[in-house]
């Protein structure tokens, strides 16, 4: 009996010692890096690290947990990767590491993407190469470059003529994916009119005018009264009649016209009288006027 008890005691003690000696491998530790806040436009870089007691890290994997869209993780199986195609919102990315024991560790990092800063493009060129006054009718054509930017109907040598003007501004620096926040056009009355009665920049009983978008291409070297481009009445801006001798038109809201130009083609703005009957005229300074501060001006803000 004593021998049996001793044998059982030795056996149990032996088993307990073996169990205590068993060491289970620990999962590796992953670190996805700190949270980030970025501003569009942006391509972010994610850098993760991993450590293990089971030899070494043998694999990495980046994946998207949540976000406002599905961006492009350019090197998902690398410790460091760039991510592109982001939009405004909050993203959660997961980083996983695998070690030689086949065990995995995971961590996450959050990326907050904020809207881009509002940019301002202010255009007030001197000697704008894409600006012209069309002056003609009834066999008369004196179209071309001038110090004036006019909308009118008058007579020259007793012959009725019409005046229309076009100014095209270079919008090419605005990114294609930008959102236009505002677009303001300013025209400044000429202090020394060369048309009309040579005194008043605004004259007549009905000098109301339109600002329209030009819809055909044109060339400053060949444009004339007879082959002038067309302008559309879609989204046109109506400017009321004025009895004032001079009246600067400051910050005309042309946002819709600028958006239309970017969606189709930019051939410029045209000004013309709403009712082209003489004697009515609006005389503004062109980009060739001696006073640079009075040149036609377009200010566009975008994001």
C-alpha atoms as a PDB file:
ATOM      1  CA  UNK A   1       0.000   0.000   0.000  1.00  0.00           C
ATOM      2  CA  UNK A   2       2.801   2.384   0.885  1.00  0.00           C
ATOM      3  CA  UNK A   3       4.555   1.499  -2.378  1.00  0.00           C
ATOM      4  CA  UNK A   4       1.400   2.312  -4.428  1.00  0.00           C
ATOM      5  CA  UNK A   5       0.933   5.694  -2.712  1.00  0.00           C
ATOM      6  CA  UNK A   6       4.583   6.584  -3.294  1.00  0.00           C
ATOM      7  CA  UNK A   7       4.354   5.651  -6.961  1.00  0.00           C
ATOM      8  CA  UNK A   8       1.227   7.752  -7.462  1.00  0.00           C
ATOM      9  CA  UNK A   9       2.869  10.717  -5.722  1.00  0.00           C
ATOM     10  CA  UNK A  10       5.940  10.509  -7.959  1.00  0.00           C
ATOM     11  CA  UNK A  11       3.762  10.243 -11.093  1.00  0.00           C
ATOM     12  CA  UNK A  12       1.588  13.225 -10.220  1.00  0.00           C
ATOM     13  CA  UNK A  13       4.625  15.322  -9.296  1.00  0.00           C
ATOM     14  CA  UNK A  14       6.242  14.445 -12.591  1.00  0.00           C
ATOM     15  CA  UNK A  15       3.171  15.452 -14.598  1.00  0.00           C
ATOM     16  CA  UNK A  16       2.836  18.758 -12.729  1.00  0.00           C
ATOM     17  CA  UNK A  17       6.414  19.668 -13.487  1.00  0.00           C
ATOM     18  CA  UNK A  18       5.985  18.947 -17.230  1.00  0.00           C
ATOM     19  CA  UNK A  19       2.876  21.145 -17.424  1.00  0.00           C
ATOM     20  CA  UNK A  20       4.600  24.056 -15.748  1.00  0.00           C
ATOM     21  CA  UNK A  21       7.517  23.775 -18.189  1.00  0.00           C
ATOM     22  CA  UNK A  22       5.273  24.218 -21.287  1.00  0.00           C
ATOM     23  CA  UNK A  23       5.772  27.738 -22.814  1.00  0.00           C
ATOM     24  CA  UNK A  24       3.135  28.962 -25.341  1.00  0.00           C
ATOM     25  CA  UNK A  25       4.472  31.425 -27.987  1.00  0.00           C
ATOM     26  CA  UNK A  26       3.222  34.990 -27.663  1.00  0.00           C
ATOM     27  CA  UNK A  27       1.614  36.842 -30.547  1.00  0.00           C
ATOM     28  CA  UNK A  28       3.758  39.561 -32.154  1.00  0.00           C
ATOM     29  CA  UNK A  29       3.150  43.235 -31.425  1.00  0.00           C
ATOM     30  CA  UNK A  30       2.088  45.576 -34.221  1.00  0.00           C
ATOM     31  CA  UNK A  31       2.329  49.371 -34.220  1.00  0.00           C
ATOM     32  CA  UNK A  32       0.444  51.210 -36.999  1.00  0.00           C
ATOM     33  CA  UNK A  33       1.975  54.570 -36.174  1.00  0.00           C
ATOM     34  CA  UNK A  34       0.362  57.744 -34.853  1.00  0.00           C
ATOM     35  CA  UNK A  35      -2.973  59.172 -35.962  1.00  0.00           C
ATOM     36  CA  UNK A  36      -2.695  61.887 -38.603  1.00  0.00           C
ATOM     37  CA  UNK A  37      -4.622  64.945 -39.751  1.00  0.00           C
ATOM     38  CA  UNK A  38      -4.012  66.032 -43.347  1.00  0.00           C
ATOM     39  CA  UNK A  39      -5.472  68.560 -45.770  1.00  0.00           C
ATOM     40  CA  UNK A  40      -6.463  67.939 -49.366  1.00  0.00           C
ATOM     41  CA  UNK A  41      -4.964  67.478 -51.836  1.00  0.00           C
ATOM     42  CA  UNK A  42      -2.915  64.808 -50.082  1.00  0.00           C
ATOM     43  CA  UNK A  43      -1.216  61.455 -50.504  1.00  0.00           C
ATOM     44  CA  UNK A  44      -0.426  60.069 -47.055  1.00  0.00           C
ATOM     45  CA  UNK A  45       2.327  57.722 -45.920  1.00  0.00           C
ATOM     46  CA  UNK A  46       1.589  54.954 -43.423  1.00  0.00           C
ATOM     47  CA  UNK A  47       4.564  53.418 -41.586  1.00  0.00           C
ATOM     48  CA  UNK A  48       4.103  50.421 -39.303  1.00  0.00           C
ATOM     49  CA  UNK A  49       6.490  48.377 -37.196  1.00  0.00           C
ATOM     50  CA  UNK A  50       6.340  44.963 -35.561  1.00  0.00           C
ATOM     51  CA  UNK A  51       8.243  42.967 -32.966  1.00  0.00           C
ATOM     52  CA  UNK A  52       8.121  39.302 -31.898  1.00  0.00           C
ATOM     53  CA  UNK A  53       9.742  36.823 -29.531  1.00  0.00           C
ATOM     54  CA  UNK A  54       9.291  34.052 -32.093  1.00  0.00           C
ATOM     55  CA  UNK A  55      12.163  34.729 -34.408  1.00  0.00           C
ATOM     56  CA  UNK A  56      11.301  37.590 -36.749  1.00  0.00           C
ATOM     57  CA  UNK A  57       8.475  39.382 -38.561  1.00  0.00           C
ATOM     58  CA  UNK A  58       7.888  37.775 -41.959  1.00  0.00           C
ATOM     59  CA  UNK A  59       4.880  39.663 -43.351  1.00  0.00           C
ATOM     60  CA  UNK A  60       2.864  42.868 -43.248  1.00  0.00           C
ATOM     61  CA  UNK A  61      -0.612  43.810 -44.420  1.00  0.00           C
ATOM     62  CA  UNK A  62      -2.369  47.182 -44.540  1.00  0.00           C
ATOM     63  CA  UNK A  63      -6.145  47.265 -45.001  1.00  0.00           C
ATOM     64  CA  UNK A  64      -9.014  49.731 -44.751  1.00  0.00           C
ATOM     65  CA  UNK A  65     -11.380  49.287 -41.808  1.00  0.00           C
ATOM     66  CA  UNK A  66     -13.675  52.242 -42.505  1.00  0.00           C
ATOM     67  CA  UNK A  67     -13.797  55.536 -44.383  1.00  0.00           C
ATOM     68  CA  UNK A  68     -15.877  57.771 -46.661  1.00  0.00           C
ATOM     69  CA  UNK A  69     -14.572  55.993 -49.776  1.00  0.00           C
ATOM     70  CA  UNK A  70     -12.138  53.231 -50.768  1.00  0.00           C
ATOM     71  CA  UNK A  71      -8.720  54.836 -51.366  1.00  0.00           C
ATOM     72  CA  UNK A  72      -5.762  53.135 -53.044  1.00  0.00           C
ATOM     73  CA  UNK A  73      -3.265  51.472 -50.687  1.00  0.00           C
ATOM     74  CA  UNK A  74      -0.303  51.362 -53.045  1.00  0.00           C
ATOM     75  CA  UNK A  75       1.909  48.796 -51.206  1.00  0.00           C
ATOM     76  CA  UNK A  76      -0.400  46.905 -48.817  1.00  0.00           C
ATOM     77  CA  UNK A  77       2.141  44.161 -48.056  1.00  0.00           C
ATOM     78  CA  UNK A  78       4.956  46.547 -47.071  1.00  0.00           C
ATOM     79  CA  UNK A  79       5.682  48.062 -43.678  1.00  0.00           C
ATOM     80  CA  UNK A  80       5.539  51.512 -45.316  1.00  0.00           C
ATOM     81  CA  UNK A  81       2.980  52.441 -47.942  1.00  0.00           C
ATOM     82  CA  UNK A  82       1.429  55.495 -49.525  1.00  0.00           C
ATOM     83  CA  UNK A  83      -2.333  55.932 -49.771  1.00  0.00           C
ATOM     84  CA  UNK A  84      -3.946  58.010 -52.524  1.00  0.00           C
ATOM     85  CA  UNK A  85      -7.459  58.829 -53.680  1.00  0.00           C
ATOM     86  CA  UNK A  86      -8.504  60.327 -50.359  1.00  0.00           C
ATOM     87  CA  UNK A  87     -11.574  62.487 -49.867  1.00  0.00           C
ATOM     88  CA  UNK A  88     -12.761  64.566 -46.933  1.00  0.00           C
ATOM     89  CA  UNK A  89     -13.598  62.432 -43.905  1.00  0.00           C
ATOM     90  CA  UNK A  90     -12.178  60.068 -41.279  1.00  0.00           C
ATOM     91  CA  UNK A  91     -10.375  56.832 -42.218  1.00  0.00           C
ATOM     92  CA  UNK A  92      -9.379  53.891 -40.011  1.00  0.00           C
ATOM     93  CA  UNK A  93      -6.553  51.689 -41.336  1.00  0.00           C
ATOM     94  CA  UNK A  94      -5.463  48.340 -39.886  1.00  0.00           C
ATOM     95  CA  UNK A  95      -1.865  47.134 -39.840  1.00  0.00           C
ATOM     96  CA  UNK A  96      -1.146  43.418 -39.367  1.00  0.00           C
ATOM     97  CA  UNK A  97       2.192  41.676 -38.837  1.00  0.00           C
ATOM     98  CA  UNK A  98       2.973  37.936 -39.131  1.00  0.00           C
ATOM     99  CA  UNK A  99       5.972  36.212 -37.491  1.00  0.00           C
ATOM    100  CA  UNK A 100       7.876  32.982 -38.166  1.00  0.00           C
ATOM    101  CA  UNK A 101       5.508  31.089 -35.862  1.00  0.00           C
ATOM    102  CA  UNK A 102       2.587  32.090 -38.065  1.00  0.00           C
ATOM    103  CA  UNK A 103       1.094  34.271 -35.343  1.00  0.00           C
ATOM    104  CA  UNK A 104      -0.358  37.695 -36.058  1.00  0.00           C
ATOM    105  CA  UNK A 105      -0.586  41.047 -34.324  1.00  0.00           C
ATOM    106  CA  UNK A 106      -2.762  43.982 -35.346  1.00  0.00           C
ATOM    107  CA  UNK A 107      -3.026  47.703 -34.650  1.00  0.00           C
ATOM    108  CA  UNK A 108      -4.984  50.583 -36.179  1.00  0.00           C
ATOM    109  CA  UNK A 109      -4.375  54.217 -37.011  1.00  0.00           C
ATOM    110  CA  UNK A 110      -6.901  56.948 -37.802  1.00  0.00           C
ATOM    111  CA  UNK A 111      -6.422  59.510 -40.578  1.00  0.00           C
ATOM    112  CA  UNK A 112      -8.547  62.676 -40.598  1.00  0.00           C
ATOM    113  CA  UNK A 113      -8.717  64.318 -44.035  1.00  0.00           C
ATOM    114  CA  UNK A 114      -9.821  67.959 -44.032  1.00  0.00           C
ATOM    115  CA  UNK A 115     -10.911  70.086 -47.005  1.00  0.00           C
ATOM    116  CA  UNK A 116      -8.266  71.991 -48.914  1.00  0.00           C
ATOM    117  CA  UNK A 117      -7.677  75.627 -48.102  1.00  0.00           C
ATOM    118  CA  UNK A 118      -9.645  78.165 -50.114  1.00  0.00           C
ATOM    119  CA  UNK A 119      -7.455  79.570 -52.884  1.00  0.00           C
ATOM    120  CA  UNK A 120      -7.890  82.943 -54.586  1.00  0.00           C
ATOM    121  CA  UNK A 121      -7.039  83.593 -58.223  1.00  0.00           C
ATOM    122  CA  UNK A 122      -7.031  87.311 -59.027  1.00  0.00           C
ATOM    123  CA  UNK A 123      -6.767  88.167 -62.728  1.00  0.00           C
ATOM    124  CA  UNK A 124      -6.395  91.746 -63.962  1.00  0.00           C
ATOM    125  CA  UNK A 125      -4.067  91.542 -66.950  1.00  0.00           C
ATOM    126  CA  UNK A 126      -2.503  94.427 -68.805  1.00  0.00           C
ATOM    127  CA  UNK A 127      -2.652  94.197 -72.609  1.00  0.00           C
ATOM    128  CA  UNK A 128      -4.751  91.060 -72.423  1.00  0.00           C
ATOM    129  CA  UNK A 129      -4.110  89.226 -75.737  1.00  0.00           C
ATOM    130  CA  UNK A 130      -7.588  87.674 -75.602  1.00  0.00           C
ATOM    131  CA  UNK A 131      -9.633  90.864 -75.378  1.00  0.00           C
ATOM    132  CA  UNK A 132     -11.341  92.677 -78.257  1.00  0.00           C
ATOM    133  CA  UNK A 133     -13.977  95.283 -79.054  1.00  0.00           C
ATOM    134  CA  UNK A 134     -16.299  94.575 -81.976  1.00  0.00           C
ATOM    135  CA  UNK A 135     -17.221  97.890 -83.585  1.00  0.00           C
ATOM    136  CA  UNK A 136     -19.254  97.731 -86.736  1.00  0.00           C
ATOM    137  CA  UNK A 137     -22.391  97.384 -88.808  1.00  0.00           C
ATOM    138  CA  UNK A 138     -23.753  98.858 -92.042  1.00  0.00           C
ATOM    139  CA  UNK A 139     -20.476  98.376 -93.853  1.00  0.00           C
ATOM    140  CA  UNK A 140     -18.348  99.714 -91.012  1.00  0.00           C
ATOM    141  CA  UNK A 141     -15.836  97.463 -89.183  1.00  0.00           C
ATOM    142  CA  UNK A 142     -13.313  98.994 -86.824  1.00  0.00           C
ATOM    143  CA  UNK A 143     -13.013  95.959 -84.540  1.00  0.00           C
ATOM    144  CA  UNK A 144      -9.762  95.213 -82.730  1.00  0.00           C
ATOM    145  CA  UNK A 145      -7.643  96.210 -79.784  1.00  0.00           C
ATOM    146  CA  UNK A 146      -8.681  99.364 -77.964  1.00  0.00           C
ATOM    147  CA  UNK A 147      -8.361 101.197 -74.669  1.00  0.00           C
ATOM    148  CA  UNK A 148     -12.118 100.773 -74.199  1.00  0.00           C
ATOM    149  CA  UNK A 149     -14.332  97.814 -73.363  1.00  0.00           C
ATOM    150  CA  UNK A 150     -17.771  98.890 -74.559  1.00  0.00           C
ATOM    151  CA  UNK A 151     -21.370  97.823 -74.986  1.00  0.00           C
ATOM    152  CA  UNK A 152     -23.300 100.271 -77.098  1.00  0.00           C
ATOM    153  CA  UNK A 153     -25.189 101.387 -80.159  1.00  0.00           C
ATOM    154  CA  UNK A 154     -24.227 104.734 -81.673  1.00  0.00           C
ATOM    155  CA  UNK A 155     -23.429 106.375 -84.982  1.00  0.00           C
ATOM    156  CA  UNK A 156     -20.185 107.208 -86.696  1.00  0.00           C
ATOM    157  CA  UNK A 157     -20.362 109.696 -89.560  1.00  0.00           C
ATOM    158  CA  UNK A 158     -24.123 109.296 -89.414  1.00  0.00           C
ATOM    159  CA  UNK A 159     -23.887 105.492 -89.861  1.00  0.00           C
ATOM    160  CA  UNK A 160     -25.444 103.347 -87.092  1.00  0.00           C
ATOM    161  CA  UNK A 161     -22.933 100.968 -85.492  1.00  0.00           C
ATOM    162  CA  UNK A 162     -22.982  98.477 -82.598  1.00  0.00           C
ATOM    163  CA  UNK A 163     -20.291  97.906 -79.994  1.00  0.00           C
ATOM    164  CA  UNK A 164     -19.726  94.581 -78.196  1.00  0.00           C
ATOM    165  CA  UNK A 165     -16.642  93.495 -76.263  1.00  0.00           C
ATOM    166  CA  UNK A 166     -15.053  90.197 -75.232  1.00  0.00           C
ATOM    167  CA  UNK A 167     -12.508  89.493 -72.515  1.00  0.00           C
ATOM    168  CA  UNK A 168     -11.137  86.020 -71.918  1.00  0.00           C
ATOM    169  CA  UNK A 169      -9.303  85.304 -68.648  1.00  0.00           C
ATOM    170  CA  UNK A 170      -6.810  82.456 -68.203  1.00  0.00           C
ATOM    171  CA  UNK A 171      -8.427  79.918 -65.828  1.00  0.00           C
ATOM    172  CA  UNK A 172      -5.960  77.101 -66.562  1.00  0.00           C
ATOM    173  CA  UNK A 173      -4.307  77.269 -63.118  1.00  0.00           C
ATOM    174  CA  UNK A 174      -7.514  76.149 -61.386  1.00  0.00           C
ATOM    175  CA  UNK A 175      -7.313  72.350 -60.793  1.00  0.00           C
ATOM    176  CA  UNK A 176      -9.855  70.311 -62.735  1.00  0.00           C
ATOM    177  CA  UNK A 177     -11.330  68.841 -59.536  1.00  0.00           C
ATOM    178  CA  UNK A 178     -11.564  72.187 -57.719  1.00  0.00           C
ATOM    179  CA  UNK A 179     -14.885  73.531 -56.480  1.00  0.00           C
ATOM    180  CA  UNK A 180     -15.550  77.153 -57.408  1.00  0.00           C
ATOM    181  CA  UNK A 181     -16.616  79.046 -54.291  1.00  0.00           C
ATOM    182  CA  UNK A 182     -17.121  82.420 -55.980  1.00  0.00           C
ATOM    183  CA  UNK A 183     -16.304  84.304 -59.180  1.00  0.00           C
ATOM    184  CA  UNK A 184     -16.565  88.102 -59.358  1.00  0.00           C
ATOM    185  CA  UNK A 185     -16.113  90.235 -62.476  1.00  0.00           C
ATOM    186  CA  UNK A 186     -15.416  93.980 -62.150  1.00  0.00           C
ATOM    187  CA  UNK A 187     -15.643  96.558 -64.945  1.00  0.00           C
ATOM    188  CA  UNK A 188     -14.608 100.192 -64.449  1.00  0.00           C
ATOM    189  CA  UNK A 189     -16.157 103.169 -66.226  1.00  0.00           C
ATOM    190  CA  UNK A 190     -13.755 105.045 -68.475  1.00  0.00           C
ATOM    191  CA  UNK A 191     -12.827 108.504 -67.155  1.00  0.00           C
ATOM    192  CA  UNK A 192     -12.084 109.680 -70.724  1.00  0.00           C
ATOM    193  CA  UNK A 193     -14.532 107.996 -73.154  1.00  0.00           C
ATOM    194  CA  UNK A 194     -13.512 107.802 -76.800  1.00  0.00           C
ATOM    195  CA  UNK A 195     -16.976 106.731 -77.927  1.00  0.00           C
ATOM    196  CA  UNK A 196     -20.442 108.107 -77.268  1.00  0.00           C
ATOM    197  CA  UNK A 197     -20.437 111.813 -76.446  1.00  0.00           C
ATOM    198  CA  UNK A 198     -16.774 111.698 -75.248  1.00  0.00           C
ATOM    199  CA  UNK A 199     -17.866 112.861 -71.761  1.00  0.00           C
ATOM    200  CA  UNK A 200     -20.236 110.345 -70.160  1.00  0.00           C
ATOM    201  CA  UNK A 201     -19.250 106.713 -69.736  1.00  0.00           C
ATOM    202  CA  UNK A 202     -22.946 105.807 -69.470  1.00  0.00           C
ATOM    203  CA  UNK A 203     -25.464 107.433 -71.777  1.00  0.00           C
ATOM    204  CA  UNK A 204     -28.919 106.876 -73.229  1.00  0.00           C
ATOM    205  CA  UNK A 205     -32.449 106.056 -72.175  1.00  0.00           C
ATOM    206  CA  UNK A 206     -31.897 102.283 -72.076  1.00  0.00           C
ATOM    207  CA  UNK A 207     -28.286 101.230 -71.618  1.00  0.00           C
ATOM    208  CA  UNK A 208     -29.107  98.004 -69.768  1.00  0.00           C
ATOM    209  CA  UNK A 209     -26.656  95.291 -70.780  1.00  0.00           C
ATOM    210  CA  UNK A 210     -25.833  91.601 -70.593  1.00  0.00           C
ATOM    211  CA  UNK A 211     -22.747  89.712 -69.501  1.00  0.00           C
ATOM    212  CA  UNK A 212     -22.765  86.475 -71.471  1.00  0.00           C
ATOM    213  CA  UNK A 213     -20.535  83.473 -72.076  1.00  0.00           C
ATOM    214  CA  UNK A 214     -18.904  83.219 -75.501  1.00  0.00           C
ATOM    215  CA  UNK A 215     -19.474  79.777 -77.020  1.00  0.00           C
ATOM    216  CA  UNK A 216     -17.278  79.816 -80.150  1.00  0.00           C
ATOM    217  CA  UNK A 217     -13.541  79.988 -80.576  1.00  0.00           C
ATOM    218  CA  UNK A 218     -12.098  83.169 -82.017  1.00  0.00           C
ATOM    219  CA  UNK A 219      -8.711  84.570 -82.921  1.00  0.00           C
ATOM    220  CA  UNK A 220      -7.569  88.089 -82.116  1.00  0.00           C
ATOM    221  CA  UNK A 221      -5.704  88.287 -85.424  1.00  0.00           C
ATOM    222  CA  UNK A 222      -8.684  87.532 -87.628  1.00  0.00           C
ATOM    223  CA  UNK A 223     -11.768  88.389 -85.572  1.00  0.00           C
ATOM    224  CA  UNK A 224     -13.998  91.075 -87.029  1.00  0.00           C
ATOM    225  CA  UNK A 225     -17.550  92.364 -86.833  1.00  0.00           C
ATOM    226  CA  UNK A 226     -18.585  89.974 -89.598  1.00  0.00           C
ATOM    227  CA  UNK A 227     -17.087  86.799 -88.079  1.00  0.00           C
ATOM    228  CA  UNK A 228     -17.437  87.555 -84.358  1.00  0.00           C
ATOM    229  CA  UNK A 229     -18.206  84.560 -82.110  1.00  0.00           C
ATOM    230  CA  UNK A 230     -21.623  83.927 -80.611  1.00  0.00           C
ATOM    231  CA  UNK A 231     -22.596  84.309 -76.958  1.00  0.00           C
ATOM    232  CA  UNK A 232     -25.266  82.283 -75.178  1.00  0.00           C
ATOM    233  CA  UNK A 233     -28.161  83.630 -73.151  1.00  0.00           C
ATOM    234  CA  UNK A 234     -27.913  80.604 -70.817  1.00  0.00           C
ATOM    235  CA  UNK A 235     -27.110  81.888 -67.313  1.00  0.00           C
ATOM    236  CA  UNK A 236     -26.551  85.411 -68.692  1.00  0.00           C
ATOM    237  CA  UNK A 237     -26.152  88.269 -66.201  1.00  0.00           C
ATOM    238  CA  UNK A 238     -28.541  91.196 -66.618  1.00  0.00           C
ATOM    239  CA  UNK A 239     -27.152  94.631 -65.741  1.00  0.00           C
ATOM    240  CA  UNK A 240     -29.837  97.332 -65.335  1.00  0.00           C
ATOM    241  CA  UNK A 241     -29.930 100.756 -66.982  1.00  0.00           C
ATOM    242  CA  UNK A 242     -28.180 103.627 -65.249  1.00  0.00           C
ATOM    243  CA  UNK A 243     -28.555 107.383 -65.498  1.00  0.00           C
ATOM    244  CA  UNK A 244     -25.214 107.947 -63.801  1.00  0.00           C
ATOM    245  CA  UNK A 245     -22.456 109.388 -65.944  1.00  0.00           C
ATOM    246  CA  UNK A 246     -19.961 106.913 -64.472  1.00  0.00           C
ATOM    247  CA  UNK A 247     -20.732 103.690 -62.637  1.00  0.00           C
ATOM    248  CA  UNK A 248     -18.160 101.001 -61.890  1.00  0.00           C
ATOM    249  CA  UNK A 249     -19.620  97.506 -61.907  1.00  0.00           C
ATOM    250  CA  UNK A 250     -17.869  95.863 -58.969  1.00  0.00           C
ATOM    251  CA  UNK A 251     -18.080  92.152 -58.190  1.00  0.00           C
ATOM    252  CA  UNK A 252     -20.618  90.995 -60.744  1.00  0.00           C
ATOM    253  CA  UNK A 253     -21.461  87.426 -59.717  1.00  0.00           C
ATOM    254  CA  UNK A 254     -20.292  85.268 -62.643  1.00  0.00           C
ATOM    255  CA  UNK A 255     -19.791  82.004 -60.718  1.00  0.00           C
ATOM    256  CA  UNK A 256     -22.282  80.117 -62.874  1.00  0.00           C
ATOM    257  CA  UNK A 257     -20.678  81.378 -66.082  1.00  0.00           C
ATOM    258  CA  UNK A 258     -17.209  80.369 -64.858  1.00  0.00           C
ATOM    259  CA  UNK A 259     -18.497  76.901 -63.970  1.00  0.00           C
ATOM    260  CA  UNK A 260     -20.010  76.667 -67.443  1.00  0.00           C
ATOM    261  CA  UNK A 261     -16.682  77.672 -68.983  1.00  0.00           C
ATOM    262  CA  UNK A 262     -14.856  74.975 -67.041  1.00  0.00           C
ATOM    263  CA  UNK A 263     -17.469  72.363 -67.979  1.00  0.00           C
ATOM    264  CA  UNK A 264     -17.320  73.194 -71.707  1.00  0.00           C
ATOM    265  CA  UNK A 265     -14.728  75.650 -73.000  1.00  0.00           C
ATOM    266  CA  UNK A 266     -13.461  79.065 -71.981  1.00  0.00           C
ATOM    267  CA  UNK A 267     -13.882  81.558 -74.825  1.00  0.00           C
ATOM    268  CA  UNK A 268     -14.471  84.559 -72.579  1.00  0.00           C
ATOM    269  CA  UNK A 269     -17.202  86.957 -71.457  1.00  0.00           C
ATOM    270  CA  UNK A 270     -19.092  89.188 -73.859  1.00  0.00           C
ATOM    271  CA  UNK A 271     -20.827  92.430 -72.901  1.00  0.00           C
ATOM    272  CA  UNK A 272     -23.537  93.879 -75.111  1.00  0.00           C
ATOM    273  CA  UNK A 273     -26.608  96.058 -74.775  1.00  0.00           C
ATOM    274  CA  UNK A 274     -29.881  94.278 -74.094  1.00  0.00           C
ATOM    275  CA  UNK A 275     -31.552  96.413 -76.752  1.00  0.00           C
ATOM    276  CA  UNK A 276     -29.040  97.543 -79.342  1.00  0.00           C
ATOM    277  CA  UNK A 277     -30.734 100.765 -80.405  1.00  0.00           C
ATOM    278  CA  UNK A 278     -28.768 103.978 -80.640  1.00  0.00           C
ATOM    279  CA  UNK A 279     -27.986 106.275 -78.781  1.00  0.00           C
ATOM    280  CA  UNK A 280     -27.175 104.064 -75.771  1.00  0.00           C
ATOM    281  CA  UNK A 281     -23.731 103.126 -74.507  1.00  0.00           C
ATOM    282  CA  UNK A 282     -21.651 101.833 -71.570  1.00  0.00           C
ATOM    283  CA  UNK A 283     -17.952 102.701 -71.815  1.00  0.00           C
ATOM    284  CA  UNK A 284     -15.495 100.777 -69.616  1.00  0.00           C
ATOM    285  CA  UNK A 285     -11.722 100.624 -69.510  1.00  0.00           C
ATOM    286  CA  UNK A 286     -10.035  97.770 -71.342  1.00  0.00           C
ATOM    287  CA  UNK A 287      -6.762  96.100 -70.345  1.00  0.00           C
ATOM    288  CA  UNK A 288      -4.997  98.674 -72.557  1.00  0.00           C
ATOM    289  CA  UNK A 289      -6.182 101.674 -70.624  1.00  0.00           C
ATOM    290  CA  UNK A 290      -3.430 103.783 -69.027  1.00  0.00           C
ATOM    291  CA  UNK A 291      -4.832 103.225 -65.522  1.00  0.00           C
ATOM    292  CA  UNK A 292      -3.990  99.623 -64.637  1.00  0.00           C
ATOM    293  CA  UNK A 293      -6.311  99.602 -61.617  1.00  0.00           C
ATOM    294  CA  UNK A 294      -9.255 100.076 -64.010  1.00  0.00           C
ATOM    295  CA  UNK A 295      -8.536  97.083 -66.223  1.00  0.00           C
ATOM    296  CA  UNK A 296     -11.244  94.363 -66.305  1.00  0.00           C
ATOM    297  CA  UNK A 297     -10.790  92.133 -63.276  1.00  0.00           C
ATOM    298  CA  UNK A 298     -11.878  88.591 -62.442  1.00  0.00           C
ATOM    299  CA  UNK A 299     -11.422  87.132 -58.947  1.00  0.00           C
ATOM    300  CA  UNK A 300     -12.114  83.432 -58.466  1.00  0.00           C
ATOM    301  CA  UNK A 301     -12.016  81.607 -55.142  1.00  0.00           C
ATOM    302  CA  UNK A 302     -11.907  77.811 -55.195  1.00  0.00           C
ATOM    303  CA  UNK A 303     -11.296  74.826 -52.969  1.00  0.00           C
END
